[in-house]
Amino acid sequence: MSAQRPRPSARLMPGEALVWAGDYRFAAMQHVRSWFDRRPPSLTGPADARVHVVLVPGVVERWHFMEPLAKHLVHAGHAVHFVPELDRNLAPVLESAPIVRDVVDRVAAEHPHARIVLVGHSKGGLIGKRVLVDRALEPDEPQPDGLVALATPFAGSARARFIPGTWVRELDASSEVLLALAAERVADARIRVILPRIDPHIPGNEIPEGMQGVRLRASGHFRPLATREAAEAVLDAIRALTSDARPEPGAELREAVRDTADDAEPGGADR
């Protein structure tokens, strides 16, 4: 049994002050823009694209935060779909996931031959995983090919408890929502994680066991949404998730059930 990883500290680490400054300059610009620009998103990309990407923003973020990344995706030939129905994404994960599922269903109905990938920033990655897990239990419903999670606190953030507002409480490391989501492993193989070098909102963030991912050279929680490096990492992850044949609906769930049954048999875990 491996040693338990020490819980990340909430203390400010060397170099983080400069990261905070640059990060919040970008975030402030996006917040101001989203406050005054209430038009619906117009960027869509080619309707006949092989891959359609559903973009899920983080907490307190309107769809505008995802637009810089979306422009890179459209330039690469993908279609993009925002989720303005989330507004500032203050609702709990369990309430937001059905909204994203509805978007997936709409995209699947309009583009039945498209490969669908979710791209979530921060809390958006948690919502994306919830969608993948729920859909694994519904094999007859449209199945996203996977999730690209950028700066997502799958294990929570040691600093969440210092931020006022009930909408951020479920991002604390002790949150029942996070603990329950972490225990759901059926979709982990279809999740690609992208982490900043330094994330001032999620100190010590790591790629969860069972998922694949990369760490950027760039730092910041929000700023990577507008960097070419992060966009290239997202595009690489999308290619990896859509390069093979579409998985058979329900295959992951059957595999998870089979593994559970094997472990339950006498000596099963040792085989």
C-alpha atoms as a PDB file:
ATOM      1  CA  MET A   1       0.000   0.000   0.000  1.00  0.00           C
ATOM      2  CA  SER A   2       1.520   3.325  -1.068  1.00  0.00           C
ATOM      3  CA  ALA A   3       2.042   6.165   1.384  1.00  0.00           C
ATOM      4  CA  GLN A   4      -0.726   8.751   1.392  1.00  0.00           C
ATOM      5  CA  ARG A   5       0.267  11.937  -0.388  1.00  0.00           C
ATOM      6  CA  PRO A   6       0.547  14.929   1.994  1.00  0.00           C
ATOM      7  CA  ARG A   7      -2.279  17.408   1.717  1.00  0.00           C
ATOM      8  CA  PRO A   8      -1.188  20.601  -0.137  1.00  0.00           C
ATOM      9  CA  SER A   9      -0.621  23.660   2.021  1.00  0.00           C
ATOM     10  CA  ALA A  10      -2.672  26.839   1.626  1.00  0.00           C
ATOM     11  CA  ARG A  11       0.397  28.979   2.363  1.00  0.00           C
ATOM     12  CA  LEU A  12       1.611  31.348  -0.359  1.00  0.00           C
ATOM     13  CA  MET A  13       4.667  29.887  -2.064  1.00  0.00           C
ATOM     14  CA  PRO A  14       7.622  31.832  -3.545  1.00  0.00           C
ATOM     15  CA  GLY A  15       6.789  33.315  -6.931  1.00  0.00           C
ATOM     16  CA  GLU A  16       3.036  33.054  -6.491  1.00  0.00           C
ATOM     17  CA  ALA A  17       2.499  36.783  -5.954  1.00  0.00           C
ATOM     18  CA  LEU A  18       3.555  37.579  -9.522  1.00  0.00           C
ATOM     19  CA  VAL A  19       1.387  34.731 -10.816  1.00  0.00           C
ATOM     20  CA  TRP A  20      -1.607  36.084  -8.898  1.00  0.00           C
ATOM     21  CA  ALA A  21      -1.083  39.555 -10.400  1.00  0.00           C
ATOM     22  CA  GLY A  22      -0.962  38.366 -14.011  1.00  0.00           C
ATOM     23  CA  ASP A  23      -3.758  35.878 -13.474  1.00  0.00           C
ATOM     24  CA  TYR A  24      -6.183  38.397 -12.012  1.00  0.00           C
ATOM     25  CA  ARG A  25      -5.393  40.981 -14.657  1.00  0.00           C
ATOM     26  CA  PHE A  26      -6.653  38.531 -17.271  1.00  0.00           C
ATOM     27  CA  ALA A  27      -9.619  37.442 -15.122  1.00  0.00           C
ATOM     28  CA  ALA A  28     -10.637  41.060 -14.459  1.00  0.00           C
ATOM     29  CA  MET A  29     -10.664  41.814 -18.193  1.00  0.00           C
ATOM     30  CA  GLN A  30     -12.875  38.803 -18.872  1.00  0.00           C
ATOM     31  CA  HIS A  31     -15.246  39.662 -16.022  1.00  0.00           C
ATOM     32  CA  VAL A  32     -15.644  43.236 -17.262  1.00  0.00           C
ATOM     33  CA  ARG A  33     -16.247  42.046 -20.793  1.00  0.00           C
ATOM     34  CA  SER A  34     -18.798  39.440 -19.709  1.00  0.00           C
ATOM     35  CA  TRP A  35     -20.621  41.993 -17.594  1.00  0.00           C
ATOM     36  CA  PHE A  36     -21.134  44.469 -20.444  1.00  0.00           C
ATOM     37  CA  ASP A  37     -21.326  42.049 -23.371  1.00  0.00           C
ATOM     38  CA  ARG A  38     -24.576  40.156 -22.896  1.00  0.00           C
ATOM     39  CA  ARG A  39     -24.866  38.974 -26.492  1.00  0.00           C
ATOM     40  CA  PRO A  40     -25.080  35.213 -27.039  1.00  0.00           C
ATOM     41  CA  PRO A  41     -21.901  33.544 -28.277  1.00  0.00           C
ATOM     42  CA  SER A  42     -21.493  33.696 -32.057  1.00  0.00           C
ATOM     43  CA  LEU A  43     -18.304  31.680 -32.569  1.00  0.00           C
ATOM     44  CA  THR A  44     -19.222  28.182 -33.763  1.00  0.00           C
ATOM     45  CA  GLY A  45     -16.678  26.849 -36.232  1.00  0.00           C
ATOM     46  CA  PRO A  46     -17.510  24.565 -39.180  1.00  0.00           C
ATOM     47  CA  ALA A  47     -20.831  22.762 -38.814  1.00  0.00           C
ATOM     48  CA  ASP A  48     -19.473  19.744 -40.683  1.00  0.00           C
ATOM     49  CA  ALA A  49     -16.448  19.370 -38.390  1.00  0.00           C
ATOM     50  CA  ARG A  50     -15.494  15.844 -37.369  1.00  0.00           C
ATOM     51  CA  VAL A  51     -15.103  16.942 -33.728  1.00  0.00           C
ATOM     52  CA  HIS A  52     -17.548  19.146 -31.845  1.00  0.00           C
ATOM     53  CA  VAL A  53     -16.296  20.584 -28.540  1.00  0.00           C
ATOM     54  CA  VAL A  54     -18.572  21.570 -25.659  1.00  0.00           C
ATOM     55  CA  LEU A  55     -16.855  24.254 -23.554  1.00  0.00           C
ATOM     56  CA  VAL A  56     -17.671  24.322 -19.825  1.00  0.00           C
ATOM     57  CA  PRO A  57     -16.364  27.320 -17.832  1.00  0.00           C
ATOM     58  CA  GLY A  58     -15.286  27.416 -14.203  1.00  0.00           C
ATOM     59  CA  VAL A  59     -17.001  28.911 -11.191  1.00  0.00           C
ATOM     60  CA  VAL A  60     -17.994  32.626 -11.479  1.00  0.00           C
ATOM     61  CA  GLU A  61     -17.015  32.455 -15.163  1.00  0.00           C
ATOM     62  CA  ARG A  62     -19.391  33.222 -18.000  1.00  0.00           C
ATOM     63  CA  TRP A  63     -18.815  31.674 -21.423  1.00  0.00           C
ATOM     64  CA  HIS A  64     -16.532  34.560 -22.401  1.00  0.00           C
ATOM     65  CA  PHE A  65     -13.674  33.027 -20.393  1.00  0.00           C
ATOM     66  CA  MET A  66     -13.602  30.083 -22.800  1.00  0.00           C
ATOM     67  CA  GLU A  67     -13.640  32.162 -25.985  1.00  0.00           C
ATOM     68  CA  PRO A  68      -9.846  32.676 -26.369  1.00  0.00           C
ATOM     69  CA  LEU A  69      -9.353  28.906 -26.240  1.00  0.00           C
ATOM     70  CA  ALA A  70     -12.350  28.372 -28.538  1.00  0.00           C
ATOM     71  CA  LYS A  71     -10.731  30.520 -31.226  1.00  0.00           C
ATOM     72  CA  HIS A  72      -7.727  28.183 -31.298  1.00  0.00           C
ATOM     73  CA  LEU A  73     -10.026  25.168 -31.559  1.00  0.00           C
ATOM     74  CA  VAL A  74     -11.981  26.680 -34.456  1.00  0.00           C
ATOM     75  CA  HIS A  75      -8.726  27.574 -36.220  1.00  0.00           C
ATOM     76  CA  ALA A  76      -7.766  23.898 -35.935  1.00  0.00           C
ATOM     77  CA  GLY A  77     -10.994  22.878 -37.685  1.00  0.00           C
ATOM     78  CA  HIS A  78     -13.205  21.955 -34.717  1.00  0.00           C
ATOM     79  CA  ALA A  79     -16.741  23.162 -34.041  1.00  0.00           C
ATOM     80  CA  VAL A  80     -17.356  24.723 -30.621  1.00  0.00           C
ATOM     81  CA  HIS A  81     -20.415  24.976 -28.411  1.00  0.00           C
ATOM     82  CA  PHE A  82     -20.613  27.257 -25.376  1.00  0.00           C
ATOM     83  CA  VAL A  83     -23.019  26.785 -22.473  1.00  0.00           C
ATOM     84  CA  PRO A  84     -24.389  30.261 -21.677  1.00  0.00           C
ATOM     85  CA  GLU A  85     -27.205  28.605 -19.718  1.00  0.00           C
ATOM     86  CA  LEU A  86     -24.693  28.111 -16.886  1.00  0.00           C
ATOM     87  CA  ASP A  87     -24.430  31.920 -16.560  1.00  0.00           C
ATOM     88  CA  ARG A  88     -21.661  32.417 -13.923  1.00  0.00           C
ATOM     89  CA  ASN A  89     -21.662  28.721 -13.029  1.00  0.00           C
ATOM     90  CA  LEU A  90     -22.613  29.240  -9.373  1.00  0.00           C
ATOM     91  CA  ALA A  91     -24.989  26.281  -9.132  1.00  0.00           C
ATOM     92  CA  PRO A  92     -23.764  23.012  -7.573  1.00  0.00           C
ATOM     93  CA  VAL A  93     -22.068  20.473  -9.826  1.00  0.00           C
ATOM     94  CA  LEU A  94     -25.028  18.101  -9.600  1.00  0.00           C
ATOM     95  CA  GLU A  95     -27.362  20.834 -10.860  1.00  0.00           C
ATOM     96  CA  SER A  96     -25.038  22.012 -13.627  1.00  0.00           C
ATOM     97  CA  ALA A  97     -24.315  18.582 -15.100  1.00  0.00           C
ATOM     98  CA  PRO A  98     -27.845  18.122 -16.570  1.00  0.00           C
ATOM     99  CA  ILE A  99     -27.490  21.485 -18.343  1.00  0.00           C
ATOM    100  CA  VAL A 100     -24.298  20.308 -20.038  1.00  0.00           C
ATOM    101  CA  ARG A 101     -25.888  16.931 -20.829  1.00  0.00           C
ATOM    102  CA  ASP A 102     -28.672  18.785 -22.650  1.00  0.00           C
ATOM    103  CA  VAL A 103     -26.071  20.544 -24.796  1.00  0.00           C
ATOM    104  CA  VAL A 104     -24.417  17.199 -25.576  1.00  0.00           C
ATOM    105  CA  ASP A 105     -27.793  15.778 -26.598  1.00  0.00           C
ATOM    106  CA  ARG A 106     -28.519  18.777 -28.813  1.00  0.00           C
ATOM    107  CA  VAL A 107     -25.133  18.531 -30.533  1.00  0.00           C
ATOM    108  CA  ALA A 108     -25.569  14.777 -31.030  1.00  0.00           C
ATOM    109  CA  ALA A 109     -29.040  15.274 -32.540  1.00  0.00           C
ATOM    110  CA  GLU A 110     -27.862  17.984 -34.940  1.00  0.00           C
ATOM    111  CA  HIS A 111     -24.581  16.273 -35.840  1.00  0.00           C
ATOM    112  CA  PRO A 112     -25.133  12.514 -35.408  1.00  0.00           C
ATOM    113  CA  HIS A 113     -21.768  11.513 -36.904  1.00  0.00           C
ATOM    114  CA  ALA A 114     -19.650  13.983 -34.928  1.00  0.00           C
ATOM    115  CA  ARG A 115     -17.236  13.067 -32.162  1.00  0.00           C
ATOM    116  CA  ILE A 116     -18.114  15.091 -29.051  1.00  0.00           C
ATOM    117  CA  VAL A 117     -15.480  16.158 -26.516  1.00  0.00           C
ATOM    118  CA  LEU A 118     -16.042  18.170 -23.356  1.00  0.00           C
ATOM    119  CA  VAL A 119     -13.439  20.793 -22.431  1.00  0.00           C
ATOM    120  CA  GLY A 120     -13.826  22.099 -18.892  1.00  0.00           C
ATOM    121  CA  HIS A 121     -11.927  24.757 -16.994  1.00  0.00           C
ATOM    122  CA  SER A 122     -11.582  24.378 -13.217  1.00  0.00           C
ATOM    123  CA  LYS A 123     -15.067  23.503 -11.882  1.00  0.00           C
ATOM    124  CA  GLY A 124     -16.078  22.896 -15.482  1.00  0.00           C
ATOM    125  CA  GLY A 125     -13.875  19.796 -15.419  1.00  0.00           C
ATOM    126  CA  LEU A 126     -15.781  18.464 -12.411  1.00  0.00           C
ATOM    127  CA  ILE A 127     -19.055  19.019 -14.237  1.00  0.00           C
ATOM    128  CA  GLY A 128     -17.604  17.299 -17.282  1.00  0.00           C
ATOM    129  CA  LYS A 129     -16.598  14.224 -15.302  1.00  0.00           C
ATOM    130  CA  ARG A 130     -20.064  14.074 -13.749  1.00  0.00           C
ATOM    131  CA  VAL A 131     -21.539  14.056 -17.264  1.00  0.00           C
ATOM    132  CA  LEU A 132     -19.210  11.238 -18.385  1.00  0.00           C
ATOM    133  CA  VAL A 133     -20.032   9.146 -15.312  1.00  0.00           C
ATOM    134  CA  ASP A 134     -23.780   9.690 -15.630  1.00  0.00           C
ATOM    135  CA  ARG A 135     -23.746   8.874 -19.326  1.00  0.00           C
ATOM    136  CA  ALA A 136     -21.808   5.638 -18.693  1.00  0.00           C
ATOM    137  CA  LEU A 137     -24.934   4.523 -16.817  1.00  0.00           C
ATOM    138  CA  GLU A 138     -27.123   5.432 -19.816  1.00  0.00           C
ATOM    139  CA  PRO A 139     -25.603   3.526 -22.765  1.00  0.00           C
ATOM    140  CA  ASP A 140     -28.535   4.337 -25.060  1.00  0.00           C
ATOM    141  CA  GLU A 141     -27.940   8.092 -24.694  1.00  0.00           C
ATOM    142  CA  PRO A 142     -25.324  10.162 -26.616  1.00  0.00           C
ATOM    143  CA  GLN A 143     -21.830   9.484 -25.241  1.00  0.00           C
ATOM    144  CA  PRO A 144     -19.078  12.114 -25.268  1.00  0.00           C
ATOM    145  CA  ASP A 145     -15.741  10.679 -26.354  1.00  0.00           C
ATOM    146  CA  GLY A 146     -14.032  12.201 -23.348  1.00  0.00           C
ATOM    147  CA  LEU A 147     -13.109  15.226 -21.287  1.00  0.00           C
ATOM    148  CA  VAL A 148     -10.167  17.616 -21.356  1.00  0.00           C
ATOM    149  CA  ALA A 149      -9.895  19.196 -17.897  1.00  0.00           C
ATOM    150  CA  LEU A 150      -7.790  22.349 -17.565  1.00  0.00           C
ATOM    151  CA  ALA A 151      -6.779  23.439 -14.040  1.00  0.00           C
ATOM    152  CA  THR A 152      -9.486  21.278 -12.468  1.00  0.00           C
ATOM    153  CA  PRO A 153      -9.387  20.613  -8.687  1.00  0.00           C
ATOM    154  CA  PHE A 154     -10.309  16.910  -8.762  1.00  0.00           C
ATOM    155  CA  ALA A 155      -8.906  16.579  -5.219  1.00  0.00           C
ATOM    156  CA  GLY A 156     -10.173  20.001  -4.131  1.00  0.00           C
ATOM    157  CA  SER A 157      -8.294  23.145  -3.191  1.00  0.00           C
ATOM    158  CA  ALA A 158      -6.735  23.930   0.166  1.00  0.00           C
ATOM    159  CA  ARG A 159      -7.666  27.586  -0.412  1.00  0.00           C
ATOM    160  CA  ALA A 160     -11.365  27.114  -1.163  1.00  0.00           C
ATOM    161  CA  ARG A 161     -12.309  27.518   2.491  1.00  0.00           C
ATOM    162  CA  PHE A 162     -10.817  31.030   2.520  1.00  0.00           C
ATOM    163  CA  ILE A 163     -13.036  32.281  -0.313  1.00  0.00           C
ATOM    164  CA  PRO A 164     -16.405  33.676   0.813  1.00  0.00           C
ATOM    165  CA  GLY A 165     -19.523  32.254  -0.785  1.00  0.00           C
ATOM    166  CA  THR A 166     -21.321  28.950  -0.527  1.00  0.00           C
ATOM    167  CA  TRP A 167     -20.820  28.376  -4.267  1.00  0.00           C
ATOM    168  CA  VAL A 168     -17.142  27.561  -3.698  1.00  0.00           C
ATOM    169  CA  ARG A 169     -17.566  25.226  -0.709  1.00  0.00           C
ATOM    170  CA  GLU A 170     -17.905  22.107  -2.859  1.00  0.00           C
ATOM    171  CA  LEU A 171     -14.387  22.792  -4.180  1.00  0.00           C
ATOM    172  CA  ASP A 172     -12.884  22.222  -0.723  1.00  0.00           C
ATOM    173  CA  ALA A 173     -10.857  19.038  -0.380  1.00  0.00           C
ATOM    174  CA  SER A 174     -13.298  17.687   2.228  1.00  0.00           C
ATOM    175  CA  SER A 175     -16.375  18.258   0.049  1.00  0.00           C
ATOM    176  CA  GLU A 176     -18.711  15.263  -0.148  1.00  0.00           C
ATOM    177  CA  VAL A 177     -19.337  16.102  -3.806  1.00  0.00           C
ATOM    178  CA  LEU A 178     -15.633  15.828  -4.625  1.00  0.00           C
ATOM    179  CA  LEU A 179     -15.123  12.686  -2.568  1.00  0.00           C
ATOM    180  CA  ALA A 180     -18.061  10.981  -4.263  1.00  0.00           C
ATOM    181  CA  LEU A 181     -16.871  12.065  -7.715  1.00  0.00           C
ATOM    182  CA  ALA A 182     -13.338  10.817  -6.998  1.00  0.00           C
ATOM    183  CA  ALA A 183     -14.747   7.395  -6.094  1.00  0.00           C
ATOM    184  CA  GLU A 184     -16.399   7.160  -9.529  1.00  0.00           C
ATOM    185  CA  ARG A 185     -13.624   5.683 -11.692  1.00  0.00           C
ATOM    186  CA  VAL A 186     -15.633   4.435 -14.669  1.00  0.00           C
ATOM    187  CA  ALA A 187     -14.740   7.430 -16.887  1.00  0.00           C
ATOM    188  CA  ASP A 188     -11.213   8.238 -15.695  1.00  0.00           C
ATOM    189  CA  ALA A 189      -9.507   6.600 -18.686  1.00  0.00           C
ATOM    190  CA  ARG A 190     -11.336   9.063 -20.967  1.00  0.00           C
ATOM    191  CA  ILE A 191     -10.145  12.156 -19.096  1.00  0.00           C
ATOM    192  CA  ARG A 192      -7.050  14.171 -20.069  1.00  0.00           C
ATOM    193  CA  VAL A 193      -5.764  16.614 -17.460  1.00  0.00           C
ATOM    194  CA  ILE A 194      -3.831  19.822 -18.201  1.00  0.00           C
ATOM    195  CA  LEU A 195      -2.272  21.600 -15.227  1.00  0.00           C
ATOM    196  CA  PRO A 196      -0.462  24.959 -15.010  1.00  0.00           C
ATOM    197  CA  ARG A 197       3.071  24.965 -13.611  1.00  0.00           C
ATOM    198  CA  ILE A 198       1.848  27.080 -10.675  1.00  0.00           C
ATOM    199  CA  ASP A 199      -1.870  27.400  -9.959  1.00  0.00           C
ATOM    200  CA  PRO A 200      -2.476  29.984  -7.212  1.00  0.00           C
ATOM    201  CA  HIS A 201      -6.043  28.756  -6.718  1.00  0.00           C
ATOM    202  CA  ILE A 202      -5.162  25.066  -6.458  1.00  0.00           C
ATOM    203  CA  PRO A 203      -1.761  24.692  -4.772  1.00  0.00           C
ATOM    204  CA  GLY A 204      -0.166  21.291  -5.186  1.00  0.00           C
ATOM    205  CA  ASN A 205      -2.671  20.154  -7.814  1.00  0.00           C
ATOM    206  CA  GLU A 206      -1.736  16.785  -9.325  1.00  0.00           C
ATOM    207  CA  ILE A 207      -2.940  14.503 -12.116  1.00  0.00           C
ATOM    208  CA  PRO A 208      -5.271  11.971 -10.444  1.00  0.00           C
ATOM    209  CA  GLU A 209      -4.436   8.291 -10.552  1.00  0.00           C
ATOM    210  CA  GLY A 210      -6.116   6.631 -13.511  1.00  0.00           C
ATOM    211  CA  MET A 211      -6.104   9.783 -15.663  1.00  0.00           C
ATOM    212  CA  GLN A 212      -3.496  10.974 -18.145  1.00  0.00           C
ATOM    213  CA  GLY A 213      -2.216  14.506 -18.348  1.00  0.00           C
ATOM    214  CA  VAL A 214       0.504  17.071 -18.831  1.00  0.00           C
ATOM    215  CA  ARG A 215       1.856  20.072 -16.944  1.00  0.00           C
ATOM    216  CA  LEU A 216       2.319  23.376 -18.745  1.00  0.00           C
ATOM    217  CA  ARG A 217       5.316  25.675 -18.584  1.00  0.00           C
ATOM    218  CA  ALA A 218       2.901  28.574 -18.059  1.00  0.00           C
ATOM    219  CA  SER A 219       1.448  29.439 -14.655  1.00  0.00           C
ATOM    220  CA  GLY A 220      -1.889  30.824 -13.521  1.00  0.00           C
ATOM    221  CA  HIS A 221      -5.403  29.537 -12.994  1.00  0.00           C
ATOM    222  CA  PHE A 222      -7.168  31.715 -15.585  1.00  0.00           C
ATOM    223  CA  ARG A 223      -4.383  32.984 -17.848  1.00  0.00           C
ATOM    224  CA  PRO A 224      -3.654  29.624 -19.554  1.00  0.00           C
ATOM    225  CA  LEU A 225      -7.101  29.847 -21.178  1.00  0.00           C
ATOM    226  CA  ALA A 226      -5.577  32.414 -23.545  1.00  0.00           C
ATOM    227  CA  THR A 227      -2.147  30.856 -24.179  1.00  0.00           C
ATOM    228  CA  ARG A 228      -1.073  28.989 -27.311  1.00  0.00           C
ATOM    229  CA  GLU A 229       0.702  26.407 -25.155  1.00  0.00           C
ATOM    230  CA  ALA A 230      -2.492  25.416 -23.358  1.00  0.00           C
ATOM    231  CA  ALA A 231      -4.446  25.435 -26.629  1.00  0.00           C
ATOM    232  CA  GLU A 232      -1.935  23.053 -28.215  1.00  0.00           C
ATOM    233  CA  ALA A 233      -2.176  20.785 -25.169  1.00  0.00           C
ATOM    234  CA  VAL A 234      -5.972  20.769 -25.462  1.00  0.00           C
ATOM    235  CA  LEU A 235      -5.758  19.977 -29.181  1.00  0.00           C
ATOM    236  CA  ASP A 236      -3.336  17.110 -28.479  1.00  0.00           C
ATOM    237  CA  ALA A 237      -5.743  15.737 -25.874  1.00  0.00           C
ATOM    238  CA  ILE A 238      -8.688  15.986 -28.272  1.00  0.00           C
ATOM    239  CA  ARG A 239      -6.720  14.091 -30.911  1.00  0.00           C
ATOM    240  CA  ALA A 240      -5.901  11.358 -28.392  1.00  0.00           C
ATOM    241  CA  LEU A 241      -9.528  11.021 -27.310  1.00  0.00           C
ATOM    242  CA  THR A 242     -10.908  10.842 -30.850  1.00  0.00           C
ATOM    243  CA  SER A 243      -8.163   8.954 -32.695  1.00  0.00           C
ATOM    244  CA  ASP A 244      -9.641   5.476 -32.296  1.00  0.00           C
ATOM    245  CA  ALA A 245     -13.030   3.948 -32.939  1.00  0.00           C
ATOM    246  CA  ARG A 246     -15.928   5.230 -30.883  1.00  0.00           C
ATOM    247  CA  PRO A 247     -16.215   3.098 -27.710  1.00  0.00           C
ATOM    248  CA  GLU A 248     -19.184   0.767 -27.475  1.00  0.00           C
ATOM    249  CA  PRO A 249     -21.872   2.339 -25.229  1.00  0.00           C
ATOM    250  CA  GLY A 250     -21.788   0.826 -21.756  1.00  0.00           C
ATOM    251  CA  ALA A 251     -18.415  -0.907 -22.258  1.00  0.00           C
ATOM    252  CA  GLU A 252     -16.741   1.011 -19.438  1.00  0.00           C
ATOM    253  CA  LEU A 253     -19.558   0.267 -17.021  1.00  0.00           C
ATOM    254  CA  ARG A 254     -19.470  -3.442 -17.846  1.00  0.00           C
ATOM    255  CA  GLU A 255     -15.704  -3.488 -17.337  1.00  0.00           C
ATOM    256  CA  ALA A 256     -16.033  -1.721 -13.964  1.00  0.00           C
ATOM    257  CA  VAL A 257     -18.739  -4.145 -12.841  1.00  0.00           C
ATOM    258  CA  ARG A 258     -16.612  -7.091 -13.946  1.00  0.00           C
ATOM    259  CA  ASP A 259     -13.592  -5.772 -12.016  1.00  0.00           C
ATOM    260  CA  THR A 260     -15.723  -5.289  -8.903  1.00  0.00           C
ATOM    261  CA  ALA A 261     -17.079  -8.830  -9.174  1.00  0.00           C
ATOM    262  CA  ASP A 262     -13.565 -10.262  -9.615  1.00  0.00           C
ATOM    263  CA  ASP A 263     -12.324  -8.454  -6.512  1.00  0.00           C
ATOM    264  CA  ALA A 264     -15.301  -9.713  -4.523  1.00  0.00           C
ATOM    265  CA  GLU A 265     -14.474 -13.368  -5.247  1.00  0.00           C
ATOM    266  CA  PRO A 266     -12.183 -15.212  -2.813  1.00  0.00           C
ATOM    267  CA  GLY A 267      -8.649 -14.405  -3.861  1.00  0.00           C
ATOM    268  CA  GLY A 268      -9.970 -12.259  -6.700  1.00  0.00           C
ATOM    269  CA  ALA A 269      -7.797  -9.245  -5.920  1.00  0.00           C
ATOM    270  CA  ASP A 270      -4.681 -11.431  -6.054  1.00  0.00           C
ATOM    271  CA  ARG A 271      -5.279 -12.836  -9.533  1.00  0.00           C
END
